[in-house]
Amino acid sequence: MTDTRGPQPQYEGYATGPLPGEREPAPGQAGPYHPPQAYPSPPGGTQGGGRSHGGQQGAVPGMGAAQAARRPRTGARTTPRTRKARLRVAKADPWSVMKVSFLLSIALGICTVVASAVLWMVMDAMGVFETVGGTISEATGSNEGNGFDLQSFLSLPRVLIFTSVIAVIDVVLATALATLGSFIYNLSAGFVGGVELTLAEDE
């Protein structure tokens, strides 16, 4: 067969240039090649969850460093850790114990007086003193005179005075016993080390 196309032009790029495998890389391409994205990446992360060759999450060109950073999973739950500390009461200050016990005993005495007054008024409104007093008066009475008058003996002023005296004695005894107890605790703590407490932080 005879070639009728005549002489064909020679392309210098294919005739004289190097083969595709022998070509040197371009000076501007030092990193891995990233193909152009067909769709814009979502604002919360990268497309497809792809990773680079180094095992890190790949960042699409044009994204900021904040979007390329790895973000924690929203569904994961972290268990709160409660910190605990084991402490020991080595010494109790007697002066502070005396002040605190004094104030607490005064408050308890006031509550006792108020509670006694309220209880007396409730019982008087219910007619308890009148009923019981009538029964005692009939039982202890005689032909010469009347019996024991309970209503006059358990009047409100007498009840309040008696309760106030009890409250004052309670204040003195409670303060003295608490102060003495602090001294005894300090002596015993010197031998056994004191009371150990475990405190936990509430979150």
Protein backbone atom coordinates (compact mmCIF):
# COMPACT_ATOMS: atom_id res chain seq x y z
CA MET A 1 0.00 0.00 0.00
CA THR A 2 1.16 3.52 -0.76
CA ASP A 3 0.85 6.38 1.77
CA THR A 4 -1.00 9.15 -0.04
CA ARG A 5 -1.15 11.59 2.97
CA GLY A 6 2.22 13.03 2.15
CA PRO A 7 4.79 14.12 4.68
CA GLN A 8 3.39 14.65 8.21
CA PRO A 9 4.62 17.53 10.47
CA GLN A 10 6.77 16.55 13.45
CA TYR A 11 5.86 17.87 16.93
CA GLU A 12 8.91 18.99 18.80
CA GLY A 13 7.31 18.41 22.21
CA TYR A 14 6.90 14.70 21.66
CA ALA A 15 9.99 14.19 19.57
CA THR A 16 12.61 15.99 21.61
CA GLY A 17 10.99 16.42 25.09
CA PRO A 18 11.29 13.93 28.01
CA LEU A 19 8.79 11.21 28.69
CA PRO A 20 5.95 11.85 31.22
CA GLY A 21 7.67 9.75 33.91
CA GLU A 22 10.96 11.57 33.44
CA ARG A 23 9.61 15.09 33.81
CA GLU A 24 10.68 17.11 36.86
CA PRO A 25 7.94 18.48 39.14
CA ALA A 26 7.03 22.11 38.89
CA PRO A 27 8.89 24.37 41.38
CA GLY A 28 5.67 25.70 42.98
CA GLN A 29 4.07 22.30 43.85
CA ALA A 30 5.71 21.06 47.06
CA GLY A 31 2.71 19.59 48.95
CA PRO A 32 0.07 17.01 48.04
CA TYR A 33 -2.26 17.80 45.20
CA HIS A 34 -5.79 18.82 46.15
CA PRO A 35 -8.34 18.53 43.35
CA PRO A 36 -10.84 21.36 42.96
CA GLN A 37 -14.06 20.92 44.89
CA ALA A 38 -17.26 20.58 42.93
CA TYR A 39 -19.41 21.77 45.87
CA PRO A 40 -18.58 24.19 48.69
CA SER A 41 -17.65 22.54 51.95
CA PRO A 42 -20.16 22.72 54.83
CA PRO A 43 -19.46 25.29 57.57
CA GLY A 44 -19.12 22.62 60.31
CA GLY A 45 -16.27 20.55 58.83
CA THR A 46 -14.64 19.05 55.73
CA GLN A 47 -16.28 17.01 53.01
CA GLY A 48 -16.37 13.26 53.40
CA GLY A 49 -14.29 13.36 56.58
CA GLY A 50 -11.15 12.89 54.42
CA ARG A 51 -7.69 12.71 55.96
CA SER A 52 -4.33 13.60 54.53
CA HIS A 53 -1.43 11.21 54.12
CA GLY A 54 -0.06 12.12 57.55
CA GLY A 55 -3.20 10.81 59.34
CA GLN A 56 -4.50 14.27 60.18
CA GLN A 57 -7.76 15.77 59.01
CA GLY A 58 -7.29 17.44 55.63
CA ALA A 59 -8.28 21.07 55.20
CA VAL A 60 -9.87 22.29 52.00
CA PRO A 61 -7.97 25.22 50.40
CA GLY A 62 -9.61 28.53 51.33
CA MET A 63 -10.87 27.37 54.74
CA GLY A 64 -9.66 29.01 57.95
CA ALA A 65 -7.69 27.31 60.67
CA ALA A 66 -10.70 27.31 63.00
CA GLN A 67 -12.83 25.32 60.51
CA ALA A 68 -10.01 22.88 59.75
CA ALA A 69 -9.46 22.02 63.43
CA ARG A 70 -10.97 18.82 64.74
CA ARG A 71 -14.15 19.30 66.75
CA PRO A 72 -15.44 16.93 69.47
CA ARG A 73 -18.46 14.75 68.88
CA THR A 74 -21.70 16.27 70.04
CA GLY A 75 -23.22 12.94 71.09
CA ALA A 76 -20.39 11.95 73.44
CA ARG A 77 -21.10 12.42 77.16
CA THR A 78 -18.41 13.06 79.70
CA THR A 79 -18.89 11.77 83.24
CA PRO A 80 -18.24 14.51 85.82
CA ARG A 81 -15.45 13.66 88.21
CA THR A 82 -16.09 14.40 91.89
CA ARG A 83 -12.98 15.37 93.76
CA LYS A 84 -12.71 14.06 97.32
CA ALA A 85 -10.40 15.12 100.11
CA ARG A 86 -9.77 13.28 103.35
CA LEU A 87 -9.17 15.72 106.21
CA ARG A 88 -8.67 15.38 109.94
CA VAL A 89 -9.85 17.64 112.75
CA ALA A 90 -6.64 17.83 114.75
CA LYS A 91 -7.62 20.59 117.21
CA ALA A 92 -10.71 22.53 118.28
CA ASP A 93 -10.29 26.09 119.52
CA PRO A 94 -11.97 26.31 122.96
CA TRP A 95 -12.68 30.04 122.61
CA SER A 96 -14.52 29.62 119.30
CA VAL A 97 -16.40 26.61 120.66
CA MET A 98 -17.50 28.63 123.70
CA LYS A 99 -18.77 31.53 121.56
CA VAL A 100 -20.69 29.28 119.18
CA SER A 101 -22.22 27.20 121.97
CA PHE A 102 -23.21 30.36 123.88
CA LEU A 103 -25.07 31.81 120.90
CA LEU A 104 -26.74 28.50 120.09
CA SER A 105 -27.87 27.99 123.70
CA ILE A 106 -29.33 31.53 123.81
CA ALA A 107 -31.28 30.83 120.63
CA LEU A 108 -32.50 27.54 122.08
CA GLY A 109 -33.58 29.28 125.32
CA ILE A 110 -35.57 31.91 123.41
CA CYS A 111 -37.28 29.19 121.37
CA THR A 112 -38.14 27.35 124.60
CA VAL A 113 -39.78 30.43 126.17
CA VAL A 114 -41.79 31.22 123.03
CA ALA A 115 -42.90 27.61 122.63
CA SER A 116 -44.05 27.45 126.27
CA ALA A 117 -46.12 30.63 125.88
CA VAL A 118 -47.76 29.38 122.68
CA LEU A 119 -48.51 25.98 124.23
CA TRP A 120 -50.07 27.58 127.31
CA MET A 121 -52.32 29.79 125.17
CA VAL A 122 -53.47 26.86 123.06
CA MET A 123 -54.25 24.72 126.12
CA ASP A 124 -56.09 27.60 127.79
CA ALA A 125 -58.18 28.19 124.67
CA MET A 126 -59.11 24.49 124.60
CA GLY A 127 -60.25 24.62 128.25
CA VAL A 128 -57.72 22.08 129.51
CA PHE A 129 -56.78 24.03 132.65
CA GLU A 130 -60.41 24.64 133.57
CA THR A 131 -61.40 20.99 133.21
CA VAL A 132 -58.36 19.55 134.94
CA GLY A 133 -58.41 22.28 137.60
CA GLY A 134 -62.05 21.55 138.43
CA THR A 135 -61.33 17.85 138.80
CA ILE A 136 -58.34 18.45 141.09
CA SER A 137 -60.27 20.99 143.13
CA GLU A 138 -63.10 18.52 143.74
CA ALA A 139 -60.68 15.75 144.62
CA THR A 140 -58.69 17.80 147.11
CA GLY A 141 -61.53 19.89 148.51
CA SER A 142 -63.19 19.48 151.88
CA ASN A 143 -66.06 20.93 153.85
CA GLU A 144 -63.82 23.56 155.43
CA GLY A 145 -62.33 24.98 152.24
CA ASN A 146 -61.79 24.59 148.57
CA GLY A 147 -59.16 22.32 147.08
CA PHE A 148 -56.03 23.03 145.07
CA ASP A 149 -56.51 25.79 142.47
CA LEU A 150 -54.62 24.70 139.37
CA GLN A 151 -55.52 27.69 137.22
CA SER A 152 -53.96 30.21 139.59
CA PHE A 153 -50.86 28.06 140.06
CA LEU A 154 -50.29 27.54 136.33
CA SER A 155 -50.93 31.10 135.26
CA LEU A 156 -49.10 32.55 132.25
CA PRO A 157 -46.71 34.82 134.24
CA ARG A 158 -45.59 31.93 136.44
CA VAL A 159 -45.10 29.67 133.44
CA LEU A 160 -42.99 32.28 131.65
CA ILE A 161 -40.85 32.94 134.75
CA PHE A 162 -40.27 29.24 135.32
CA THR A 163 -39.38 28.72 131.64
CA SER A 164 -36.99 31.69 131.65
CA VAL A 165 -35.13 30.29 134.64
CA ILE A 166 -34.79 26.94 132.88
CA ALA A 167 -33.50 28.70 129.75
CA VAL A 168 -30.83 30.64 131.69
CA ILE A 169 -29.62 27.46 133.40
CA ASP A 170 -29.53 25.76 130.01
CA VAL A 171 -27.38 28.56 128.53
CA VAL A 172 -24.82 28.34 131.34
CA LEU A 173 -24.63 24.55 131.36
CA ALA A 174 -24.48 24.20 127.57
CA THR A 175 -21.69 26.77 127.24
CA ALA A 176 -19.64 25.22 130.03
CA LEU A 177 -20.06 21.67 128.79
CA ALA A 178 -19.18 22.60 125.19
CA THR A 179 -16.01 24.39 126.28
CA LEU A 180 -15.00 21.50 128.51
CA GLY A 181 -15.70 19.10 125.66
CA SER A 182 -13.32 21.01 123.37
CA PHE A 183 -10.50 20.66 125.93
CA ILE A 184 -11.17 16.94 126.26
CA TYR A 185 -11.23 16.54 122.48
CA ASN A 186 -7.87 18.28 122.11
CA LEU A 187 -6.34 15.94 124.67
CA SER A 188 -7.75 12.83 123.01
CA ALA A 189 -6.76 14.06 119.53
CA GLY A 190 -3.15 14.29 120.68
CA PHE A 191 -3.19 10.52 121.30
CA VAL A 192 -5.37 9.12 118.50
CA GLY A 193 -5.02 11.85 115.86
CA GLY A 194 -8.52 13.30 115.84
CA VAL A 195 -11.67 12.70 113.81
CA GLU A 196 -11.18 12.03 110.07
CA LEU A 197 -13.58 13.53 107.56
CA THR A 198 -13.99 12.86 103.82
CA LEU A 199 -15.16 15.94 101.92
CA ALA A 200 -16.46 15.79 98.32
CA GLU A 201 -16.81 18.66 95.90
CA ASP A 202 -20.36 19.12 94.66
CA GLU A 203 -20.65 19.82 90.90
